[in-house]
Amino acid sequence: MTEVLEGDETVTLKVLKQKMHDFAQERDWERHHSPRNLLLALVGEVGELSEIFQWKGEVAKGLPDWKEEEKVHLGEELSDVLLYLVRLSDICGIDLGQAALRKIRLNAIKYPIPDPTPTPKP
């Protein structure tokens, strides 16, 4: 497997996809990586992510009141969700980056920018 990127390296979906492929192949896990199994694992990881926020109430942007170890744990759980999502899209033959860009375009049509000119009330 190629070395893990650290620091200021650019991480793309393509890099993550390849690293997840290599990781699974080296461990002979590909036979377990069916779409169903990956989806169930993803849902489990979303549950773990949800637990972090479960009793915190509203949280300020940037998490200014969080301890460093809480932020590290959050990063780990967010990463688990991302990595399973990338792996699931790869196994399903979906280009996740292109699908996301398409979805943004569709959302822009569905939710257009509001007209800044106020409409006069009768």
PDB file of N, CA and C in Angstrom:
ATOM      1  N   MET A   1       0.854  -1.177   0.000  1.00  0.00           N
ATOM      2  CA  MET A   1       0.000   0.000   0.000  1.00  0.00           C
ATOM      3  C   MET A   1       0.894   1.231   0.000  1.00  0.00           C
ATOM      4  N   THR A   2       0.453   2.280  -0.673  1.00  0.00           N
ATOM      5  CA  THR A   2       1.224   3.513  -0.699  1.00  0.00           C
ATOM      6  C   THR A   2       1.205   4.153   0.672  1.00  0.00           C
ATOM      7  N   GLU A   3       2.183   5.020   0.917  1.00  0.00           N
ATOM      8  CA  GLU A   3       2.302   5.650   2.230  1.00  0.00           C
ATOM      9  C   GLU A   3       1.093   6.535   2.528  1.00  0.00           C
ATOM     10  N   VAL A   4       0.817   6.685   3.802  1.00  0.00           N
ATOM     11  CA  VAL A   4      -0.289   7.523   4.244  1.00  0.00           C
ATOM     12  C   VAL A   4       0.129   8.980   4.097  1.00  0.00           C
ATOM     13  N   LEU A   5      -0.757   9.786   3.537  1.00  0.00           N
ATOM     14  CA  LEU A   5      -0.481  11.202   3.367  1.00  0.00           C
ATOM     15  C   LEU A   5      -0.625  11.909   4.697  1.00  0.00           C
ATOM     16  N   GLU A   6       0.275  12.818   4.985  1.00  0.00           N
ATOM     17  CA  GLU A   6       0.244  13.585   6.226  1.00  0.00           C
ATOM     18  C   GLU A   6       0.454  15.057   5.914  1.00  0.00           C
ATOM     19  N   GLY A   7       0.102  15.901   6.849  1.00  0.00           N
ATOM     20  CA  GLY A   7       0.423  17.318   6.743  1.00  0.00           C
ATOM     21  C   GLY A   7      -0.333  18.045   5.667  1.00  0.00           C
ATOM     22  N   ASP A   8       0.420  18.745   4.821  1.00  0.00           N
ATOM     23  CA  ASP A   8      -0.172  19.628   3.828  1.00  0.00           C
ATOM     24  C   ASP A   8      -0.497  18.939   2.508  1.00  0.00           C
ATOM     25  N   GLU A   9      -0.375  17.628   2.440  1.00  0.00           N
ATOM     26  CA  GLU A   9      -0.665  16.904   1.209  1.00  0.00           C
ATOM     27  C   GLU A   9      -2.145  17.065   0.848  1.00  0.00           C
ATOM     28  N   THR A  10      -2.433  17.126  -0.434  1.00  0.00           N
ATOM     29  CA  THR A  10      -3.812  17.195  -0.902  1.00  0.00           C
ATOM     30  C   THR A  10      -4.399  15.795  -0.920  1.00  0.00           C
ATOM     31  N   VAL A  11      -5.557  15.650  -0.313  1.00  0.00           N
ATOM     32  CA  VAL A  11      -6.238  14.359  -0.296  1.00  0.00           C
ATOM     33  C   VAL A  11      -7.479  14.485  -1.172  1.00  0.00           C
ATOM     34  N   THR A  12      -7.558  13.649  -2.180  1.00  0.00           N
ATOM     35  CA  THR A  12      -8.707  13.645  -3.088  1.00  0.00           C
ATOM     36  C   THR A  12      -9.538  12.398  -2.850  1.00  0.00           C
ATOM     37  N   LEU A  13     -10.744  12.400  -3.385  1.00  0.00           N
ATOM     38  CA  LEU A  13     -11.556  11.189  -3.324  1.00  0.00           C
ATOM     39  C   LEU A  13     -10.857  10.041  -4.039  1.00  0.00           C
ATOM     40  N   LYS A  14     -10.148  10.358  -5.117  1.00  0.00           N
ATOM     41  CA  LYS A  14      -9.412   9.326  -5.869  1.00  0.00           C
ATOM     42  C   LYS A  14      -8.345   8.675  -4.985  1.00  0.00           C
ATOM     43  N   VAL A  15      -7.622   9.483  -4.223  1.00  0.00           N
ATOM     44  CA  VAL A  15      -6.592   8.957  -3.316  1.00  0.00           C
ATOM     45  C   VAL A  15      -7.235   8.079  -2.250  1.00  0.00           C
ATOM     46  N   LEU A  16      -8.320   8.564  -1.640  1.00  0.00           N
ATOM     47  CA  LEU A  16      -8.993   7.786  -0.605  1.00  0.00           C
ATOM     48  C   LEU A  16      -9.538   6.478  -1.162  1.00  0.00           C
ATOM     49  N   LYS A  17     -10.120   6.537  -2.351  1.00  0.00           N
ATOM     50  CA  LYS A  17     -10.658   5.341  -3.000  1.00  0.00           C
ATOM     51  C   LYS A  17      -9.561   4.297  -3.189  1.00  0.00           C
ATOM     52  N   GLN A  18      -8.412   4.726  -3.687  1.00  0.00           N
ATOM     53  CA  GLN A  18      -7.305   3.794  -3.920  1.00  0.00           C
ATOM     54  C   GLN A  18      -6.769   3.239  -2.611  1.00  0.00           C
ATOM     55  N   LYS A  19      -6.639   4.075  -1.609  1.00  0.00           N
ATOM     56  CA  LYS A  19      -6.130   3.619  -0.318  1.00  0.00           C
ATOM     57  C   LYS A  19      -7.087   2.619   0.333  1.00  0.00           C
ATOM     58  N   MET A  20      -8.386   2.862   0.219  1.00  0.00           N
ATOM     59  CA  MET A  20      -9.355   1.932   0.777  1.00  0.00           C
ATOM     60  C   MET A  20      -9.350   0.613   0.004  1.00  0.00           C
ATOM     61  N   HIS A  21      -9.214   0.694  -1.311  1.00  0.00           N
ATOM     62  CA  HIS A  21      -9.112  -0.515  -2.134  1.00  0.00           C
ATOM     63  C   HIS A  21      -7.892  -1.337  -1.712  1.00  0.00           C
ATOM     64  N   ASP A  22      -6.736  -0.672  -1.629  1.00  0.00           N
ATOM     65  CA  ASP A  22      -5.498  -1.357  -1.251  1.00  0.00           C
ATOM     66  C   ASP A  22      -5.606  -1.959   0.149  1.00  0.00           C
ATOM     67  N   PHE A  23      -6.156  -1.192   1.076  1.00  0.00           N
ATOM     68  CA  PHE A  23      -6.306  -1.629   2.464  1.00  0.00           C
ATOM     69  C   PHE A  23      -7.129  -2.920   2.526  1.00  0.00           C
ATOM     70  N   ALA A  24      -8.268  -2.935   1.840  1.00  0.00           N
ATOM     71  CA  ALA A  24      -9.133  -4.118   1.844  1.00  0.00           C
ATOM     72  C   ALA A  24      -8.460  -5.297   1.146  1.00  0.00           C
ATOM     73  N   GLN A  25      -7.809  -5.034   0.032  1.00  0.00           N
ATOM     74  CA  GLN A  25      -7.163  -6.104  -0.727  1.00  0.00           C
ATOM     75  C   GLN A  25      -6.035  -6.748   0.084  1.00  0.00           C
ATOM     76  N   GLU A  26      -5.221  -5.947   0.741  1.00  0.00           N
ATOM     77  CA  GLU A  26      -4.100  -6.468   1.521  1.00  0.00           C
ATOM     78  C   GLU A  26      -4.561  -7.352   2.686  1.00  0.00           C
ATOM     79  N   ARG A  27      -5.749  -7.141   3.153  1.00  0.00           N
ATOM     80  CA  ARG A  27      -6.279  -7.894   4.284  1.00  0.00           C
ATOM     81  C   ARG A  27      -7.269  -8.980   3.853  1.00  0.00           C
ATOM     82  N   ASP A  28      -7.444  -9.132   2.538  1.00  0.00           N
ATOM     83  CA  ASP A  28      -8.393 -10.091   1.976  1.00  0.00           C
ATOM     84  C   ASP A  28      -9.808  -9.832   2.483  1.00  0.00           C
ATOM     85  N   TRP A  29     -10.172  -8.553   2.564  1.00  0.00           N
ATOM     86  CA  TRP A  29     -11.502  -8.163   3.027  1.00  0.00           C
ATOM     87  C   TRP A  29     -12.469  -7.911   1.883  1.00  0.00           C
ATOM     88  N   GLU A  30     -11.982  -7.924   0.654  1.00  0.00           N
ATOM     89  CA  GLU A  30     -12.859  -7.590  -0.464  1.00  0.00           C
ATOM     90  C   GLU A  30     -14.077  -8.495  -0.534  1.00  0.00           C
ATOM     91  N   ARG A  31     -13.916  -9.738  -0.154  1.00  0.00           N
ATOM     92  CA  ARG A  31     -15.052 -10.669  -0.200  1.00  0.00           C
ATOM     93  C   ARG A  31     -16.154 -10.269   0.775  1.00  0.00           C
ATOM     94  N   HIS A  32     -15.815  -9.477   1.779  1.00  0.00           N
ATOM     95  CA  HIS A  32     -16.805  -9.008   2.761  1.00  0.00           C
ATOM     96  C   HIS A  32     -17.396  -7.653   2.383  1.00  0.00           C
ATOM     97  N   HIS A  33     -16.819  -6.990   1.399  1.00  0.00           N
ATOM     98  CA  HIS A  33     -17.235  -5.631   1.057  1.00  0.00           C
ATOM     99  C   HIS A  33     -18.320  -5.608  -0.014  1.00  0.00           C
ATOM    100  N   SER A  34     -19.442  -6.207   0.317  1.00  0.00           N
ATOM    101  CA  SER A  34     -20.616  -6.105  -0.559  1.00  0.00           C
ATOM    102  C   SER A  34     -21.277  -4.757  -0.283  1.00  0.00           C
ATOM    103  N   PRO A  35     -22.073  -4.260  -1.219  1.00  0.00           N
ATOM    104  CA  PRO A  35     -22.775  -2.998  -0.955  1.00  0.00           C
ATOM    105  C   PRO A  35     -23.575  -3.037   0.347  1.00  0.00           C
ATOM    106  N   ARG A  36     -24.276  -4.127   0.593  1.00  0.00           N
ATOM    107  CA  ARG A  36     -25.079  -4.242   1.810  1.00  0.00           C
ATOM    108  C   ARG A  36     -24.205  -4.156   3.062  1.00  0.00           C
ATOM    109  N   ASN A  37     -23.130  -4.917   3.101  1.00  0.00           N
ATOM    110  CA  ASN A  37     -22.263  -4.916   4.284  1.00  0.00           C
ATOM    111  C   ASN A  37     -21.640  -3.543   4.515  1.00  0.00           C
ATOM    112  N   LEU A  38     -21.218  -2.900   3.443  1.00  0.00           N
ATOM    113  CA  LEU A  38     -20.621  -1.573   3.585  1.00  0.00           C
ATOM    114  C   LEU A  38     -21.653  -0.550   4.054  1.00  0.00           C
ATOM    115  N   LEU A  39     -22.873  -0.649   3.535  1.00  0.00           N
ATOM    116  CA  LEU A  39     -23.921   0.268   3.977  1.00  0.00           C
ATOM    117  C   LEU A  39     -24.216   0.080   5.459  1.00  0.00           C
ATOM    118  N   LEU A  40     -24.316  -1.158   5.900  1.00  0.00           N
ATOM    119  CA  LEU A  40     -24.580  -1.409   7.319  1.00  0.00           C
ATOM    120  C   LEU A  40     -23.434  -0.887   8.192  1.00  0.00           C
ATOM    121  N   ALA A  41     -22.209  -1.062   7.739  1.00  0.00           N
ATOM    122  CA  ALA A  41     -21.061  -0.525   8.483  1.00  0.00           C
ATOM    123  C   ALA A  41     -21.120   0.998   8.524  1.00  0.00           C
ATOM    124  N   LEU A  42     -21.498   1.612   7.402  1.00  0.00           N
ATOM    125  CA  LEU A  42     -21.625   3.067   7.330  1.00  0.00           C
ATOM    126  C   LEU A  42     -22.681   3.563   8.318  1.00  0.00           C
ATOM    127  N   VAL A  43     -23.813   2.907   8.356  1.00  0.00           N
ATOM    128  CA  VAL A  43     -24.879   3.289   9.283  1.00  0.00           C
ATOM    129  C   VAL A  43     -24.390   3.173  10.732  1.00  0.00           C
ATOM    130  N   GLY A  44     -23.644   2.126  11.030  1.00  0.00           N
ATOM    131  CA  GLY A  44     -23.079   1.967  12.368  1.00  0.00           C
ATOM    132  C   GLY A  44     -22.153   3.116  12.724  1.00  0.00           C
ATOM    133  N   GLU A  45     -21.339   3.527  11.768  1.00  0.00           N
ATOM    134  CA  GLU A  45     -20.415   4.637  12.016  1.00  0.00           C
ATOM    135  C   GLU A  45     -21.154   5.962  12.180  1.00  0.00           C
ATOM    136  N   VAL A  46     -22.240   6.158  11.428  1.00  0.00           N
ATOM    137  CA  VAL A  46     -23.056   7.361  11.604  1.00  0.00           C
ATOM    138  C   VAL A  46     -23.647   7.365  13.013  1.00  0.00           C
ATOM    139  N   GLY A  47     -24.030   6.183  13.505  1.00  0.00           N
ATOM    140  CA  GLY A  47     -24.521   6.068  14.877  1.00  0.00           C
ATOM    141  C   GLY A  47     -23.462   6.480  15.887  1.00  0.00           C
ATOM    142  N   GLU A  48     -22.233   6.030  15.683  1.00  0.00           N
ATOM    143  CA  GLU A  48     -21.143   6.408  16.583  1.00  0.00           C
ATOM    144  C   GLU A  48     -20.884   7.914  16.521  1.00  0.00           C
ATOM    145  N   LEU A  49     -20.973   8.480  15.345  1.00  0.00           N
ATOM    146  CA  LEU A  49     -20.818   9.928  15.182  1.00  0.00           C
ATOM    147  C   LEU A  49     -21.934  10.664  15.924  1.00  0.00           C
ATOM    148  N   SER A  50     -23.142  10.156  15.802  1.00  0.00           N
ATOM    149  CA  SER A  50     -24.289  10.777  16.471  1.00  0.00           C
ATOM    150  C   SER A  50     -24.133  10.762  17.987  1.00  0.00           C
ATOM    151  N   GLU A  51     -23.562   9.694  18.528  1.00  0.00           N
ATOM    152  CA  GLU A  51     -23.378   9.592  19.971  1.00  0.00           C
ATOM    153  C   GLU A  51     -22.515  10.721  20.528  1.00  0.00           C
ATOM    154  N   ILE A  52     -21.575  11.188  19.729  1.00  0.00           N
ATOM    155  CA  ILE A  52     -20.699  12.272  20.194  1.00  0.00           C
ATOM    156  C   ILE A  52     -21.511  13.529  20.490  1.00  0.00           C
ATOM    157  N   PHE A  53     -22.540  13.792  19.693  1.00  0.00           N
ATOM    158  CA  PHE A  53     -23.351  15.002  19.828  1.00  0.00           C
ATOM    159  C   PHE A  53     -24.607  14.788  20.678  1.00  0.00           C
ATOM    160  N   GLN A  54     -24.908  13.538  21.002  1.00  0.00           N
ATOM    161  CA  GLN A  54     -26.201  13.184  21.577  1.00  0.00           C
ATOM    162  C   GLN A  54     -26.616  14.041  22.765  1.00  0.00           C
ATOM    163  N   TRP A  55     -25.754  14.297  23.702  1.00  0.00           N
ATOM    164  CA  TRP A  55     -26.147  15.010  24.915  1.00  0.00           C
ATOM    165  C   TRP A  55     -25.496  16.375  25.035  1.00  0.00           C
ATOM    166  N   LYS A  56     -24.992  16.913  23.951  1.00  0.00           N
ATOM    167  CA  LYS A  56     -24.287  18.189  23.995  1.00  0.00           C
ATOM    168  C   LYS A  56     -25.198  19.391  23.749  1.00  0.00           C
ATOM    169  N   GLY A  57     -26.413  19.184  23.275  1.00  0.00           N
ATOM    170  CA  GLY A  57     -27.262  20.314  22.912  1.00  0.00           C
ATOM    171  C   GLY A  57     -26.682  20.989  21.676  1.00  0.00           C
ATOM    172  N   GLU A  58     -27.013  22.244  21.483  1.00  0.00           N
ATOM    173  CA  GLU A  58     -26.457  22.980  20.344  1.00  0.00           C
ATOM    174  C   GLU A  58     -24.964  23.203  20.567  1.00  0.00           C
ATOM    175  N   VAL A  59     -24.216  23.109  19.484  1.00  0.00           N
ATOM    176  CA  VAL A  59     -22.765  23.239  19.550  1.00  0.00           C
ATOM    177  C   VAL A  59     -22.341  24.389  18.650  1.00  0.00           C
ATOM    178  N   ALA A  60     -21.471  25.263  19.158  1.00  0.00           N
ATOM    179  CA  ALA A  60     -21.007  26.412  18.381  1.00  0.00           C
ATOM    180  C   ALA A  60     -20.072  25.964  17.257  1.00  0.00           C
ATOM    181  N   LYS A  61     -20.116  26.693  16.148  1.00  0.00           N
ATOM    182  CA  LYS A  61     -19.203  26.412  15.035  1.00  0.00           C
ATOM    183  C   LYS A  61     -17.766  26.486  15.532  1.00  0.00           C
ATOM    184  N   GLY A  62     -16.959  25.559  15.035  1.00  0.00           N
ATOM    185  CA  GLY A  62     -15.554  25.525  15.435  1.00  0.00           C
ATOM    186  C   GLY A  62     -15.311  24.814  16.753  1.00  0.00           C
ATOM    187  N   LEU A  63     -16.380  24.443  17.434  1.00  0.00           N
ATOM    188  CA  LEU A  63     -16.305  23.686  18.694  1.00  0.00           C
ATOM    189  C   LEU A  63     -15.386  24.340  19.736  1.00  0.00           C
ATOM    190  N   PRO A  64     -15.566  25.635  20.010  1.00  0.00           N
ATOM    191  CA  PRO A  64     -14.641  26.341  20.899  1.00  0.00           C
ATOM    192  C   PRO A  64     -14.613  25.803  22.332  1.00  0.00           C
ATOM    193  N   ASP A  65     -15.677  25.168  22.777  1.00  0.00           N
ATOM    194  CA  ASP A  65     -15.741  24.671  24.153  1.00  0.00           C
ATOM    195  C   ASP A  65     -15.328  23.213  24.291  1.00  0.00           C
ATOM    196  N   TRP A  66     -14.917  22.597  23.189  1.00  0.00           N
ATOM    197  CA  TRP A  66     -14.562  21.184  23.224  1.00  0.00           C
ATOM    198  C   TRP A  66     -13.098  21.008  23.602  1.00  0.00           C
ATOM    199  N   LYS A  67     -12.820  19.914  24.307  1.00  0.00           N
ATOM    200  CA  LYS A  67     -11.438  19.530  24.613  1.00  0.00           C
ATOM    201  C   LYS A  67     -10.796  18.976  23.349  1.00  0.00           C
ATOM    202  N   GLU A  68      -9.485  19.029  23.293  1.00  0.00           N
ATOM    203  CA  GLU A  68      -8.760  18.538  22.116  1.00  0.00           C
ATOM    204  C   GLU A  68      -9.047  17.064  21.843  1.00  0.00           C
ATOM    205  N   GLU A  69      -9.118  16.254  22.892  1.00  0.00           N
ATOM    206  CA  GLU A  69      -9.374  14.820  22.688  1.00  0.00           C
ATOM    207  C   GLU A  69     -10.781  14.578  22.146  1.00  0.00           C
ATOM    208  N   GLU A  70     -11.742  15.439  22.472  1.00  0.00           N
ATOM    209  CA  GLU A  70     -13.083  15.322  21.900  1.00  0.00           C
ATOM    210  C   GLU A  70     -13.048  15.629  20.407  1.00  0.00           C
ATOM    211  N   LYS A  71     -12.265  16.633  20.023  1.00  0.00           N
ATOM    212  CA  LYS A  71     -12.144  16.980  18.602  1.00  0.00           C
ATOM    213  C   LYS A  71     -11.441  15.865  17.837  1.00  0.00           C
ATOM    214  N   VAL A  72     -10.431  15.264  18.439  1.00  0.00           N
ATOM    215  CA  VAL A  72      -9.733  14.145  17.793  1.00  0.00           C
ATOM    216  C   VAL A  72     -10.704  12.983  17.588  1.00  0.00           C
ATOM    217  N   HIS A  73     -11.487  12.675  18.611  1.00  0.00           N
ATOM    218  CA  HIS A  73     -12.472  11.589  18.499  1.00  0.00           C
ATOM    219  C   HIS A  73     -13.491  11.899  17.408  1.00  0.00           C
ATOM    220  N   LEU A  74     -13.972  13.125  17.354  1.00  0.00           N
ATOM    221  CA  LEU A  74     -14.899  13.537  16.306  1.00  0.00           C
ATOM    222  C   LEU A  74     -14.276  13.340  14.931  1.00  0.00           C
ATOM    223  N   GLY A  75     -13.027  13.737  14.771  1.00  0.00           N
ATOM    224  CA  GLY A  75     -12.333  13.559  13.494  1.00  0.00           C
ATOM    225  C   GLY A  75     -12.235  12.097  13.097  1.00  0.00           C
ATOM    226  N   GLU A  76     -12.016  11.231  14.073  1.00  0.00           N
ATOM    227  CA  GLU A  76     -11.938   9.799  13.781  1.00  0.00           C
ATOM    228  C   GLU A  76     -13.285   9.262  13.297  1.00  0.00           C
ATOM    229  N   GLU A  77     -14.354   9.661  13.958  1.00  0.00           N
ATOM    230  CA  GLU A  77     -15.679   9.167  13.563  1.00  0.00           C
ATOM    231  C   GLU A  77     -16.120   9.750  12.224  1.00  0.00           C
ATOM    232  N   LEU A  78     -15.846  11.029  11.992  1.00  0.00           N
ATOM    233  CA  LEU A  78     -16.137  11.618  10.682  1.00  0.00           C
ATOM    234  C   LEU A  78     -15.366  10.888   9.587  1.00  0.00           C
ATOM    235  N   SER A  79     -14.121  10.548   9.875  1.00  0.00           N
ATOM    236  CA  SER A  79     -13.292   9.830   8.907  1.00  0.00           C
ATOM    237  C   SER A  79     -13.847   8.446   8.624  1.00  0.00           C
ATOM    238  N   ASP A  80     -14.310   7.756   9.656  1.00  0.00           N
ATOM    239  CA  ASP A  80     -14.912   6.433   9.442  1.00  0.00           C
ATOM    240  C   ASP A  80     -16.095   6.534   8.484  1.00  0.00           C
ATOM    241  N   VAL A  81     -16.947   7.540   8.695  1.00  0.00           N
ATOM    242  CA  VAL A  81     -18.110   7.724   7.823  1.00  0.00           C
ATOM    243  C   VAL A  81     -17.653   7.998   6.390  1.00  0.00           C
ATOM    244  N   LEU A  82     -16.711   8.906   6.238  1.00  0.00           N
ATOM    245  CA  LEU A  82     -16.208   9.244   4.903  1.00  0.00           C
ATOM    246  C   LEU A  82     -15.604   8.026   4.217  1.00  0.00           C
ATOM    247  N   LEU A  83     -14.779   7.280   4.922  1.00  0.00           N
ATOM    248  CA  LEU A  83     -14.091   6.151   4.304  1.00  0.00           C
ATOM    249  C   LEU A  83     -15.060   5.047   3.886  1.00  0.00           C
ATOM    250  N   TYR A  84     -16.054   4.758   4.710  1.00  0.00           N
ATOM    251  CA  TYR A  84     -17.054   3.770   4.301  1.00  0.00           C
ATOM    252  C   TYR A  84     -17.868   4.265   3.114  1.00  0.00           C
ATOM    253  N   LEU A  85     -18.189   5.554   3.094  1.00  0.00           N
ATOM    254  CA  LEU A  85     -18.936   6.120   1.965  1.00  0.00           C
ATOM    255  C   LEU A  85     -18.119   6.028   0.674  1.00  0.00           C
ATOM    256  N   VAL A  86     -16.844   6.357   0.755  1.00  0.00           N
ATOM    257  CA  VAL A  86     -15.964   6.265  -0.422  1.00  0.00           C
ATOM    258  C   VAL A  86     -15.869   4.816  -0.892  1.00  0.00           C
ATOM    259  N   ARG A  87     -15.708   3.901   0.035  1.00  0.00           N
ATOM    260  CA  ARG A  87     -15.597   2.478  -0.326  1.00  0.00           C
ATOM    261  C   ARG A  87     -16.902   1.966  -0.937  1.00  0.00           C
ATOM    262  N   LEU A  88     -18.039   2.349  -0.350  1.00  0.00           N
ATOM    263  CA  LEU A  88     -19.339   1.931  -0.873  1.00  0.00           C
ATOM    264  C   LEU A  88     -19.537   2.451  -2.293  1.00  0.00           C
ATOM    265  N   SER A  89     -19.206   3.704  -2.525  1.00  0.00           N
ATOM    266  CA  SER A  89     -19.378   4.258  -3.874  1.00  0.00           C
ATOM    267  C   SER A  89     -18.479   3.535  -4.872  1.00  0.00           C
ATOM    268  N   ASP A  90     -17.271   3.193  -4.457  1.00  0.00           N
ATOM    269  CA  ASP A  90     -16.344   2.475  -5.335  1.00  0.00           C
ATOM    270  C   ASP A  90     -16.904   1.091  -5.686  1.00  0.00           C
ATOM    271  N   ILE A  91     -17.357   0.360  -4.688  1.00  0.00           N
ATOM    272  CA  ILE A  91     -17.892  -0.983  -4.915  1.00  0.00           C
ATOM    273  C   ILE A  91     -19.131  -0.932  -5.809  1.00  0.00           C
ATOM    274  N   CYS A  92     -19.902   0.150  -5.710  1.00  0.00           N
ATOM    275  CA  CYS A  92     -21.114   0.293  -6.530  1.00  0.00           C
ATOM    276  C   CYS A  92     -20.830   0.894  -7.897  1.00  0.00           C
ATOM    277  N   GLY A  93     -19.573   1.279  -8.157  1.00  0.00           N
ATOM    278  CA  GLY A  93     -19.230   1.842  -9.451  1.00  0.00           C
ATOM    279  C   GLY A  93     -19.728   3.266  -9.648  1.00  0.00           C
ATOM    280  N   ILE A  94     -19.861   3.996  -8.568  1.00  0.00           N
ATOM    281  CA  ILE A  94     -20.323   5.382  -8.631  1.00  0.00           C
ATOM    282  C   ILE A  94     -19.136   6.312  -8.432  1.00  0.00           C
ATOM    283  N   ASP A  95     -18.972   7.273  -9.341  1.00  0.00           N
ATOM    284  CA  ASP A  95     -17.952   8.300  -9.178  1.00  0.00           C
ATOM    285  C   ASP A  95     -18.537   9.321  -8.204  1.00  0.00           C
ATOM    286  N   LEU A  96     -18.145   9.219  -6.952  1.00  0.00           N
ATOM    287  CA  LEU A  96     -18.743  10.023  -5.889  1.00  0.00           C
ATOM    288  C   LEU A  96     -18.538  11.515  -6.113  1.00  0.00           C
ATOM    289  N   GLY A  97     -17.371  11.912  -6.573  1.00  0.00           N
ATOM    290  CA  GLY A  97     -17.114  13.324  -6.836  1.00  0.00           C
ATOM    291  C   GLY A  97     -18.046  13.882  -7.899  1.00  0.00           C
ATOM    292  N   GLN A  98     -18.191  13.160  -8.996  1.00  0.00           N
ATOM    293  CA  GLN A  98     -19.071  13.611 -10.067  1.00  0.00           C
ATOM    294  C   GLN A  98     -20.531  13.582  -9.627  1.00  0.00           C
ATOM    295  N   ALA A  99     -20.905  12.560  -8.864  1.00  0.00           N
ATOM    296  CA  ALA A  99     -22.278  12.481  -8.365  1.00  0.00           C
ATOM    297  C   ALA A  99     -22.581  13.656  -7.433  1.00  0.00           C
ATOM    298  N   ALA A 100     -21.613  14.029  -6.600  1.00  0.00           N
ATOM    299  CA  ALA A 100     -21.805  15.153  -5.677  1.00  0.00           C
ATOM    300  C   ALA A 100     -21.928  16.469  -6.441  1.00  0.00           C
ATOM    301  N   LEU A 101     -21.088  16.664  -7.463  1.00  0.00           N
ATOM    302  CA  LEU A 101     -21.185  17.888  -8.272  1.00  0.00           C
ATOM    303  C   LEU A 101     -22.528  17.961  -8.986  1.00  0.00           C
ATOM    304  N   ARG A 102     -22.991  16.837  -9.512  1.00  0.00           N
ATOM    305  CA  ARG A 102     -24.301  16.804 -10.175  1.00  0.00           C
ATOM    306  C   ARG A 102     -25.400  17.170  -9.187  1.00  0.00           C
ATOM    307  N   LYS A 103     -25.306  16.631  -7.969  1.00  0.00           N
ATOM    308  CA  LYS A 103     -26.318  16.906  -6.959  1.00  0.00           C
ATOM    309  C   LYS A 103     -26.324  18.389  -6.562  1.00  0.00           C
ATOM    310  N   ILE A 104     -25.161  19.003  -6.482  1.00  0.00           N
ATOM    311  CA  ILE A 104     -25.088  20.438  -6.190  1.00  0.00           C
ATOM    312  C   ILE A 104     -25.781  21.234  -7.286  1.00  0.00           C
ATOM    313  N   ARG A 105     -25.542  20.852  -8.555  1.00  0.00           N
ATOM    314  CA  ARG A 105     -26.212  21.535  -9.670  1.00  0.00           C
ATOM    315  C   ARG A 105     -27.726  21.372  -9.584  1.00  0.00           C
ATOM    316  N   LEU A 106     -28.184  20.167  -9.290  1.00  0.00           N
ATOM    317  CA  LEU A 106     -29.623  19.922  -9.160  1.00  0.00           C
ATOM    318  C   LEU A 106     -30.216  20.724  -7.997  1.00  0.00           C
ATOM    319  N   ASN A 107     -29.485  20.783  -6.888  1.00  0.00           N
ATOM    320  CA  ASN A 107     -29.962  21.560  -5.737  1.00  0.00           C
ATOM    321  C   ASN A 107     -30.030  23.049  -6.056  1.00  0.00           C
ATOM    322  N   ALA A 108     -29.111  23.535  -6.874  1.00  0.00           N
ATOM    323  CA  ALA A 108     -29.134  24.953  -7.261  1.00  0.00           C
ATOM    324  C   ALA A 108     -30.377  25.271  -8.083  1.00  0.00           C
ATOM    325  N   ILE A 109     -30.818  24.315  -8.886  1.00  0.00           N
ATOM    326  CA  ILE A 109     -32.053  24.500  -9.655  1.00  0.00           C
ATOM    327  C   ILE A 109     -33.264  24.421  -8.728  1.00  0.00           C
ATOM    328  N   LYS A 110     -33.247  23.463  -7.843  1.00  0.00           N
ATOM    329  CA  LYS A 110     -34.362  23.246  -6.924  1.00  0.00           C
ATOM    330  C   LYS A 110     -34.500  24.386  -5.910  1.00  0.00           C
ATOM    331  N   TYR A 111     -33.359  24.925  -5.484  1.00  0.00           N
ATOM    332  CA  TYR A 111     -33.343  25.996  -4.485  1.00  0.00           C
ATOM    333  C   TYR A 111     -32.577  27.193  -5.039  1.00  0.00           C
ATOM    334  N   PRO A 112     -33.196  27.968  -5.925  1.00  0.00           N
ATOM    335  CA  PRO A 112     -32.488  29.100  -6.536  1.00  0.00           C
ATOM    336  C   PRO A 112     -32.163  30.184  -5.508  1.00  0.00           C
ATOM    337  N   ILE A 113     -31.180  30.995  -5.860  1.00  0.00           N
ATOM    338  CA  ILE A 113     -30.797  32.110  -5.007  1.00  0.00           C
ATOM    339  C   ILE A 113     -31.973  33.084  -4.958  1.00  0.00           C
ATOM    340  N   PRO A 114     -32.372  33.496  -3.747  1.00  0.00           N
ATOM    341  CA  PRO A 114     -33.517  34.407  -3.670  1.00  0.00           C
ATOM    342  C   PRO A 114     -33.183  35.764  -4.275  1.00  0.00           C
ATOM    343  N   ASP A 115     -34.182  36.379  -4.835  1.00  0.00           N
ATOM    344  CA  ASP A 115     -34.044  37.717  -5.404  1.00  0.00           C
ATOM    345  C   ASP A 115     -33.813  38.696  -4.252  1.00  0.00           C
ATOM    346  N   PRO A 116     -32.714  39.465  -4.279  1.00  0.00           N
ATOM    347  CA  PRO A 116     -32.422  40.370  -3.167  1.00  0.00           C
ATOM    348  C   PRO A 116     -33.355  41.594  -3.135  1.00  0.00           C
ATOM    349  N   THR A 117     -34.083  41.822  -4.211  1.00  0.00           N
ATOM    350  CA  THR A 117     -34.998  42.962  -4.267  1.00  0.00           C
ATOM    351  C   THR A 117     -36.270  42.601  -3.499  1.00  0.00           C
ATOM    352  N   PRO A 118     -36.586  43.356  -2.454  1.00  0.00           N
ATOM    353  CA  PRO A 118     -37.805  43.023  -1.718  1.00  0.00           C
ATOM    354  C   PRO A 118     -39.048  43.312  -2.576  1.00  0.00           C
ATOM    355  N   THR A 119     -40.013  42.443  -2.461  1.00  0.00           N
ATOM    356  CA  THR A 119     -41.263  42.644  -3.184  1.00  0.00           C
ATOM    357  C   THR A 119     -42.183  43.537  -2.335  1.00  0.00           C
ATOM    358  N   PRO A 120     -42.721  44.558  -2.962  1.00  0.00           N
ATOM    359  CA  PRO A 120     -43.611  45.452  -2.204  1.00  0.00           C
ATOM    360  C   PRO A 120     -44.867  44.708  -1.764  1.00  0.00           C
ATOM    361  N   LYS A 121     -45.271  45.012  -0.555  1.00  0.00           N
ATOM    362  CA  LYS A 121     -46.495  44.392  -0.029  1.00  0.00           C
ATOM    363  C   LYS A 121     -47.684  45.258  -0.417  1.00  0.00           C
ATOM    364  N   PRO A 122     -48.788  44.615  -0.754  1.00  0.00           N
ATOM    365  CA  PRO A 122     -49.963  45.400  -1.164  1.00  0.00           C
ATOM    366  C   PRO A 122     -50.579  46.176  -0.023  1.00  0.00           C
TER     367      PRO A 122
END
